[in-house]
Amino acid sequence: MILAATAILGGAAIALAQTANSDHGEPMDHAAHGREGHAGSLTLTEPGQGAFAALSEVVRVLEADPETDWSRVDLAGLRAHLVDMDRLVSDAVATETDLPDGLLMMATGDAETIATLRRMVPAHAVQLARDDRWTVDAAEVENGVELRVTSDDPGVVARITGLGFFGLMASQDHHREHHLMMALGENAHAH
């Protein structure tokens, strides 16, 4: 019993001494921490997959803009989209078939993942199709979605196959603008 108490007290003393000698000995001042860094910047930098960071960044931008119409703000909708993004990256299973001119991809998963794929892939295919170097087709199929991306240019075909399903879903840097539009209650897929 005395040996156990000595070990616990000794360990606590060592931890206390280490804390006193480290930069983390003082409690964190969260208010001061929030003033550091990107104060005044109104550009988003978090494209997703860090749902809390993405939401936090959007809140910072909304609060910095005196013209924000808070009656239209929809952070719950943005959160649902960020959950979809995470589910797509973490839970979707993609099968890729090389084509002479590109790639045919079939993405599936459990029922929630299939619902996510059906919301996200067709919408993102529209974004991908804005790049006139390739042709993009997306279709719902029985167990998920099918995405076909092709090109007549061998260099672009190499890019398509290099990106694969997940790289194509992450390409076309529109995510930050898209997230801000969603948070503002705008139809992000209408643009």
C-alpha atoms as a PDB file:
ATOM      1  CA  MET A   1       0.000   0.000   0.000  1.00  0.00           C
ATOM      2  CA  ILE A   2       2.769   2.449   0.964  1.00  0.00           C
ATOM      3  CA  LEU A   3       4.745   1.408  -2.133  1.00  0.00           C
ATOM      4  CA  ALA A   4       1.724   2.071  -4.388  1.00  0.00           C
ATOM      5  CA  ALA A   5       1.087   5.477  -2.785  1.00  0.00           C
ATOM      6  CA  THR A   6       4.759   6.378  -3.181  1.00  0.00           C
ATOM      7  CA  ALA A   7       4.706   5.361  -6.848  1.00  0.00           C
ATOM      8  CA  ILE A   8       1.574   7.412  -7.507  1.00  0.00           C
ATOM      9  CA  LEU A   9       2.868  10.472  -5.653  1.00  0.00           C
ATOM     10  CA  GLY A  10       6.293  10.127  -7.285  1.00  0.00           C
ATOM     11  CA  GLY A  11       4.711   9.901 -10.734  1.00  0.00           C
ATOM     12  CA  ALA A  12       2.547  12.927  -9.989  1.00  0.00           C
ATOM     13  CA  ALA A  13       5.605  14.903  -8.834  1.00  0.00           C
ATOM     14  CA  ILE A  14       7.477  14.034 -12.033  1.00  0.00           C
ATOM     15  CA  ALA A  15       4.494  15.006 -14.169  1.00  0.00           C
ATOM     16  CA  LEU A  16       4.110  18.266 -12.241  1.00  0.00           C
ATOM     17  CA  ALA A  17       7.819  19.074 -12.674  1.00  0.00           C
ATOM     18  CA  GLN A  18       7.615  18.362 -16.404  1.00  0.00           C
ATOM     19  CA  THR A  19       4.530  20.544 -16.739  1.00  0.00           C
ATOM     20  CA  ALA A  20       6.195  23.402 -14.894  1.00  0.00           C
ATOM     21  CA  ASN A  21       9.151  23.233 -17.295  1.00  0.00           C
ATOM     22  CA  SER A  22       7.083  23.024 -20.471  1.00  0.00           C
ATOM     23  CA  ASP A  23       5.311  25.675 -22.499  1.00  0.00           C
ATOM     24  CA  HIS A  24       2.000  23.998 -21.653  1.00  0.00           C
ATOM     25  CA  GLY A  25       2.097  24.697 -17.904  1.00  0.00           C
ATOM     26  CA  GLU A  26      -0.320  27.598 -18.112  1.00  0.00           C
ATOM     27  CA  PRO A  27      -3.983  27.088 -18.955  1.00  0.00           C
ATOM     28  CA  MET A  28      -4.765  27.763 -22.619  1.00  0.00           C
ATOM     29  CA  ASP A  29      -6.266  31.167 -23.300  1.00  0.00           C
ATOM     30  CA  HIS A  30      -8.832  30.206 -25.970  1.00  0.00           C
ATOM     31  CA  ALA A  31      -9.814  33.829 -26.561  1.00  0.00           C
ATOM     32  CA  ALA A  32      -6.218  34.831 -27.332  1.00  0.00           C
ATOM     33  CA  HIS A  33      -5.764  31.703 -29.439  1.00  0.00           C
ATOM     34  CA  GLY A  34      -8.701  32.712 -31.608  1.00  0.00           C
ATOM     35  CA  ARG A  35      -7.100  36.096 -32.324  1.00  0.00           C
ATOM     36  CA  GLU A  36      -3.944  34.510 -33.712  1.00  0.00           C
ATOM     37  CA  GLY A  37      -3.333  33.556 -37.311  1.00  0.00           C
ATOM     38  CA  HIS A  38      -5.720  34.497 -40.074  1.00  0.00           C
ATOM     39  CA  ALA A  39      -7.522  37.440 -38.516  1.00  0.00           C
ATOM     40  CA  GLY A  40      -9.055  39.501 -41.261  1.00  0.00           C
ATOM     41  CA  SER A  41      -8.758  36.801 -43.920  1.00  0.00           C
ATOM     42  CA  LEU A  42     -12.058  36.014 -45.582  1.00  0.00           C
ATOM     43  CA  THR A  43     -10.805  33.160 -47.758  1.00  0.00           C
ATOM     44  CA  LEU A  44     -11.637  29.586 -46.844  1.00  0.00           C
ATOM     45  CA  THR A  45      -8.774  27.113 -46.713  1.00  0.00           C
ATOM     46  CA  GLU A  46     -10.454  23.945 -45.395  1.00  0.00           C
ATOM     47  CA  PRO A  47     -11.861  21.868 -48.274  1.00  0.00           C
ATOM     48  CA  GLY A  48     -13.416  19.193 -46.091  1.00  0.00           C
ATOM     49  CA  GLN A  49     -12.546  16.000 -44.255  1.00  0.00           C
ATOM     50  CA  GLY A  50     -11.991  18.111 -41.157  1.00  0.00           C
ATOM     51  CA  ALA A  51     -15.669  18.730 -40.519  1.00  0.00           C
ATOM     52  CA  PHE A  52     -15.154  20.691 -37.322  1.00  0.00           C
ATOM     53  CA  ALA A  53     -12.387  22.789 -38.889  1.00  0.00           C
ATOM     54  CA  ALA A  54     -14.507  23.436 -41.980  1.00  0.00           C
ATOM     55  CA  LEU A  55     -17.517  24.488 -39.880  1.00  0.00           C
ATOM     56  CA  SER A  56     -15.337  26.637 -37.641  1.00  0.00           C
ATOM     57  CA  GLU A  57     -13.820  28.368 -40.630  1.00  0.00           C
ATOM     58  CA  VAL A  58     -17.223  29.072 -42.166  1.00  0.00           C
ATOM     59  CA  VAL A  59     -18.514  30.456 -38.848  1.00  0.00           C
ATOM     60  CA  ARG A  60     -15.452  32.740 -38.656  1.00  0.00           C
ATOM     61  CA  VAL A  61     -16.126  34.075 -42.170  1.00  0.00           C
ATOM     62  CA  LEU A  62     -19.859  34.553 -41.497  1.00  0.00           C
ATOM     63  CA  GLU A  63     -19.203  36.371 -38.219  1.00  0.00           C
ATOM     64  CA  ALA A  64     -16.617  38.640 -39.868  1.00  0.00           C
ATOM     65  CA  ASP A  65     -19.103  39.750 -42.537  1.00  0.00           C
ATOM     66  CA  PRO A  66     -21.545  42.386 -41.237  1.00  0.00           C
ATOM     67  CA  GLU A  67     -23.783  41.647 -44.248  1.00  0.00           C
ATOM     68  CA  THR A  68     -24.402  38.011 -43.221  1.00  0.00           C
ATOM     69  CA  ASP A  69     -28.124  37.263 -43.370  1.00  0.00           C
ATOM     70  CA  TRP A  70     -28.345  35.009 -40.310  1.00  0.00           C
ATOM     71  CA  SER A  71     -31.958  34.115 -41.133  1.00  0.00           C
ATOM     72  CA  ARG A  72     -30.669  32.175 -44.175  1.00  0.00           C
ATOM     73  CA  VAL A  73     -27.609  30.528 -42.613  1.00  0.00           C
ATOM     74  CA  ASP A  74     -27.801  26.720 -42.771  1.00  0.00           C
ATOM     75  CA  LEU A  75     -24.890  25.207 -40.869  1.00  0.00           C
ATOM     76  CA  ALA A  76     -26.879  22.014 -40.265  1.00  0.00           C
ATOM     77  CA  GLY A  77     -27.090  21.533 -44.044  1.00  0.00           C
ATOM     78  CA  LEU A  78     -23.358  22.142 -44.382  1.00  0.00           C
ATOM     79  CA  ARG A  79     -22.676  19.678 -41.566  1.00  0.00           C
ATOM     80  CA  ALA A  80     -24.770  17.026 -43.341  1.00  0.00           C
ATOM     81  CA  HIS A  81     -22.725  17.613 -46.507  1.00  0.00           C
ATOM     82  CA  LEU A  82     -19.452  17.299 -44.571  1.00  0.00           C
ATOM     83  CA  VAL A  83     -20.711  14.012 -43.098  1.00  0.00           C
ATOM     84  CA  ASP A  84     -21.429  12.897 -46.683  1.00  0.00           C
ATOM     85  CA  MET A  85     -17.899  13.867 -47.721  1.00  0.00           C
ATOM     86  CA  ASP A  86     -16.447  11.829 -44.878  1.00  0.00           C
ATOM     87  CA  ARG A  87     -18.685   8.856 -45.649  1.00  0.00           C
ATOM     88  CA  LEU A  88     -17.731   8.972 -49.338  1.00  0.00           C
ATOM     89  CA  VAL A  89     -13.992   8.971 -48.570  1.00  0.00           C
ATOM     90  CA  SER A  90     -14.121   6.512 -45.663  1.00  0.00           C
ATOM     91  CA  ASP A  91     -16.908   4.077 -46.539  1.00  0.00           C
ATOM     92  CA  ALA A  92     -17.377   3.966 -50.317  1.00  0.00           C
ATOM     93  CA  VAL A  93     -15.914   1.018 -52.189  1.00  0.00           C
ATOM     94  CA  ALA A  94     -14.864   1.893 -55.731  1.00  0.00           C
ATOM     95  CA  THR A  95     -14.067  -0.542 -58.512  1.00  0.00           C
ATOM     96  CA  GLU A  96     -12.159   0.986 -61.422  1.00  0.00           C
ATOM     97  CA  THR A  97     -12.073  -0.480 -64.913  1.00  0.00           C
ATOM     98  CA  ASP A  98      -9.511   0.884 -67.371  1.00  0.00           C
ATOM     99  CA  LEU A  99     -10.963   1.900 -70.711  1.00  0.00           C
ATOM    100  CA  PRO A 100      -8.886   2.678 -73.818  1.00  0.00           C
ATOM    101  CA  ASP A 101      -9.909   6.334 -73.406  1.00  0.00           C
ATOM    102  CA  GLY A 102     -10.323   6.681 -69.633  1.00  0.00           C
ATOM    103  CA  LEU A 103     -11.903   5.013 -66.661  1.00  0.00           C
ATOM    104  CA  LEU A 104     -15.217   3.427 -65.681  1.00  0.00           C
ATOM    105  CA  MET A 105     -15.783   3.499 -61.929  1.00  0.00           C
ATOM    106  CA  MET A 106     -18.466   1.766 -59.893  1.00  0.00           C
ATOM    107  CA  ALA A 107     -18.909   3.013 -56.332  1.00  0.00           C
ATOM    108  CA  THR A 108     -20.997   1.232 -53.726  1.00  0.00           C
ATOM    109  CA  GLY A 109     -21.264   0.580 -50.008  1.00  0.00           C
ATOM    110  CA  ASP A 110     -23.892   0.134 -47.324  1.00  0.00           C
ATOM    111  CA  ALA A 111     -27.315   1.794 -47.644  1.00  0.00           C
ATOM    112  CA  GLU A 112     -26.166   5.122 -46.121  1.00  0.00           C
ATOM    113  CA  THR A 113     -23.075   5.188 -48.343  1.00  0.00           C
ATOM    114  CA  ILE A 114     -25.141   4.477 -51.467  1.00  0.00           C
ATOM    115  CA  ALA A 115     -27.455   7.375 -50.534  1.00  0.00           C
ATOM    116  CA  THR A 116     -24.374   9.587 -50.077  1.00  0.00           C
ATOM    117  CA  LEU A 117     -22.959   8.503 -53.437  1.00  0.00           C
ATOM    118  CA  ARG A 118     -26.252   9.267 -55.151  1.00  0.00           C
ATOM    119  CA  ARG A 119     -26.246  12.778 -53.664  1.00  0.00           C
ATOM    120  CA  MET A 120     -22.600  13.561 -54.297  1.00  0.00           C
ATOM    121  CA  VAL A 121     -21.357  11.853 -57.458  1.00  0.00           C
ATOM    122  CA  PRO A 122     -23.891  13.319 -59.948  1.00  0.00           C
ATOM    123  CA  ALA A 123     -23.430  16.804 -58.451  1.00  0.00           C
ATOM    124  CA  HIS A 124     -19.650  16.509 -58.622  1.00  0.00           C
ATOM    125  CA  ALA A 125     -19.821  15.095 -62.146  1.00  0.00           C
ATOM    126  CA  VAL A 126     -21.307  18.448 -63.207  1.00  0.00           C
ATOM    127  CA  GLN A 127     -18.238  20.168 -61.742  1.00  0.00           C
ATOM    128  CA  LEU A 128     -15.897  17.697 -63.442  1.00  0.00           C
ATOM    129  CA  ALA A 129     -17.638  18.249 -66.790  1.00  0.00           C
ATOM    130  CA  ARG A 130     -16.673  21.926 -66.684  1.00  0.00           C
ATOM    131  CA  ASP A 131     -13.172  20.788 -67.671  1.00  0.00           C
ATOM    132  CA  ASP A 132     -13.468  20.429 -71.439  1.00  0.00           C
ATOM    133  CA  ARG A 133     -10.448  18.116 -71.665  1.00  0.00           C
ATOM    134  CA  TRP A 134     -12.599  15.149 -70.695  1.00  0.00           C
ATOM    135  CA  THR A 135     -16.132  13.820 -70.947  1.00  0.00           C
ATOM    136  CA  VAL A 136     -17.966  12.877 -67.771  1.00  0.00           C
ATOM    137  CA  ASP A 137     -21.059  10.726 -67.304  1.00  0.00           C
ATOM    138  CA  ALA A 138     -22.580   9.703 -63.974  1.00  0.00           C
ATOM    139  CA  ALA A 139     -25.509   7.361 -63.479  1.00  0.00           C
ATOM    140  CA  GLU A 140     -27.302   5.743 -60.591  1.00  0.00           C
ATOM    141  CA  VAL A 141     -27.168   1.961 -60.761  1.00  0.00           C
ATOM    142  CA  GLU A 142     -28.772  -0.700 -58.599  1.00  0.00           C
ATOM    143  CA  ASN A 143     -26.056  -0.836 -55.932  1.00  0.00           C
ATOM    144  CA  GLY A 144     -24.584   2.657 -56.129  1.00  0.00           C
ATOM    145  CA  VAL A 145     -23.328   4.955 -58.852  1.00  0.00           C
ATOM    146  CA  GLU A 146     -21.293   4.615 -61.985  1.00  0.00           C
ATOM    147  CA  LEU A 147     -18.887   7.330 -63.106  1.00  0.00           C
ATOM    148  CA  ARG A 148     -17.269   7.315 -66.557  1.00  0.00           C
ATOM    149  CA  VAL A 149     -14.548   9.848 -67.383  1.00  0.00           C
ATOM    150  CA  THR A 150     -12.935   9.691 -70.836  1.00  0.00           C
ATOM    151  CA  SER A 151     -10.758  11.757 -73.157  1.00  0.00           C
ATOM    152  CA  ASP A 152      -9.229  11.632 -76.637  1.00  0.00           C
ATOM    153  CA  ASP A 153      -5.927  12.990 -75.263  1.00  0.00           C
ATOM    154  CA  PRO A 154      -3.559  10.231 -73.988  1.00  0.00           C
ATOM    155  CA  GLY A 155      -2.071  12.640 -71.432  1.00  0.00           C
ATOM    156  CA  VAL A 156      -5.506  13.379 -70.000  1.00  0.00           C
ATOM    157  CA  VAL A 157      -6.326   9.643 -69.988  1.00  0.00           C
ATOM    158  CA  ALA A 158      -3.189   9.104 -67.880  1.00  0.00           C
ATOM    159  CA  ARG A 159      -4.391  11.865 -65.527  1.00  0.00           C
ATOM    160  CA  ILE A 160      -7.857  10.270 -65.255  1.00  0.00           C
ATOM    161  CA  THR A 161      -6.449   6.851 -64.396  1.00  0.00           C
ATOM    162  CA  GLY A 162      -3.922   8.394 -62.014  1.00  0.00           C
ATOM    163  CA  LEU A 163      -6.641  10.257 -60.138  1.00  0.00           C
ATOM    164  CA  GLY A 164      -9.048   7.326 -59.997  1.00  0.00           C
ATOM    165  CA  PHE A 165     -12.455   7.627 -58.369  1.00  0.00           C
ATOM    166  CA  PHE A 166     -11.392   9.323 -55.143  1.00  0.00           C
ATOM    167  CA  GLY A 167      -8.977  11.709 -56.826  1.00  0.00           C
ATOM    168  CA  LEU A 168     -11.623  12.716 -59.346  1.00  0.00           C
ATOM    169  CA  MET A 169     -14.114  13.302 -56.531  1.00  0.00           C
ATOM    170  CA  ALA A 170     -11.577  15.568 -54.812  1.00  0.00           C
ATOM    171  CA  SER A 171     -10.526  17.458 -57.949  1.00  0.00           C
ATOM    172  CA  GLN A 172     -11.883  20.733 -59.335  1.00  0.00           C
ATOM    173  CA  ASP A 173     -11.197  23.090 -56.453  1.00  0.00           C
ATOM    174  CA  HIS A 174     -14.711  24.334 -55.813  1.00  0.00           C
ATOM    175  CA  HIS A 175     -15.282  22.876 -52.357  1.00  0.00           C
ATOM    176  CA  ARG A 176     -14.600  25.983 -50.231  1.00  0.00           C
ATOM    177  CA  GLU A 177     -16.892  28.193 -52.344  1.00  0.00           C
ATOM    178  CA  HIS A 178     -19.468  25.380 -52.379  1.00  0.00           C
ATOM    179  CA  HIS A 179     -19.370  25.077 -48.561  1.00  0.00           C
ATOM    180  CA  LEU A 180     -19.764  28.804 -48.017  1.00  0.00           C
ATOM    181  CA  MET A 181     -22.733  28.892 -50.401  1.00  0.00           C
ATOM    182  CA  MET A 182     -24.357  25.996 -48.525  1.00  0.00           C
ATOM    183  CA  ALA A 183     -23.807  27.730 -45.187  1.00  0.00           C
ATOM    184  CA  LEU A 184     -25.442  30.882 -46.593  1.00  0.00           C
ATOM    185  CA  GLY A 185     -28.517  28.856 -47.560  1.00  0.00           C
ATOM    186  CA  GLU A 186     -27.825  29.142 -51.305  1.00  0.00           C
ATOM    187  CA  ASN A 187     -28.216  26.328 -53.824  1.00  0.00           C
ATOM    188  CA  ALA A 188     -24.563  25.396 -54.253  1.00  0.00           C
ATOM    189  CA  HIS A 189     -25.285  23.080 -57.179  1.00  0.00           C
ATOM    190  CA  ALA A 190     -27.040  25.704 -59.298  1.00  0.00           C
ATOM    191  CA  HIS A 191     -23.781  27.448 -60.250  1.00  0.00           C
END
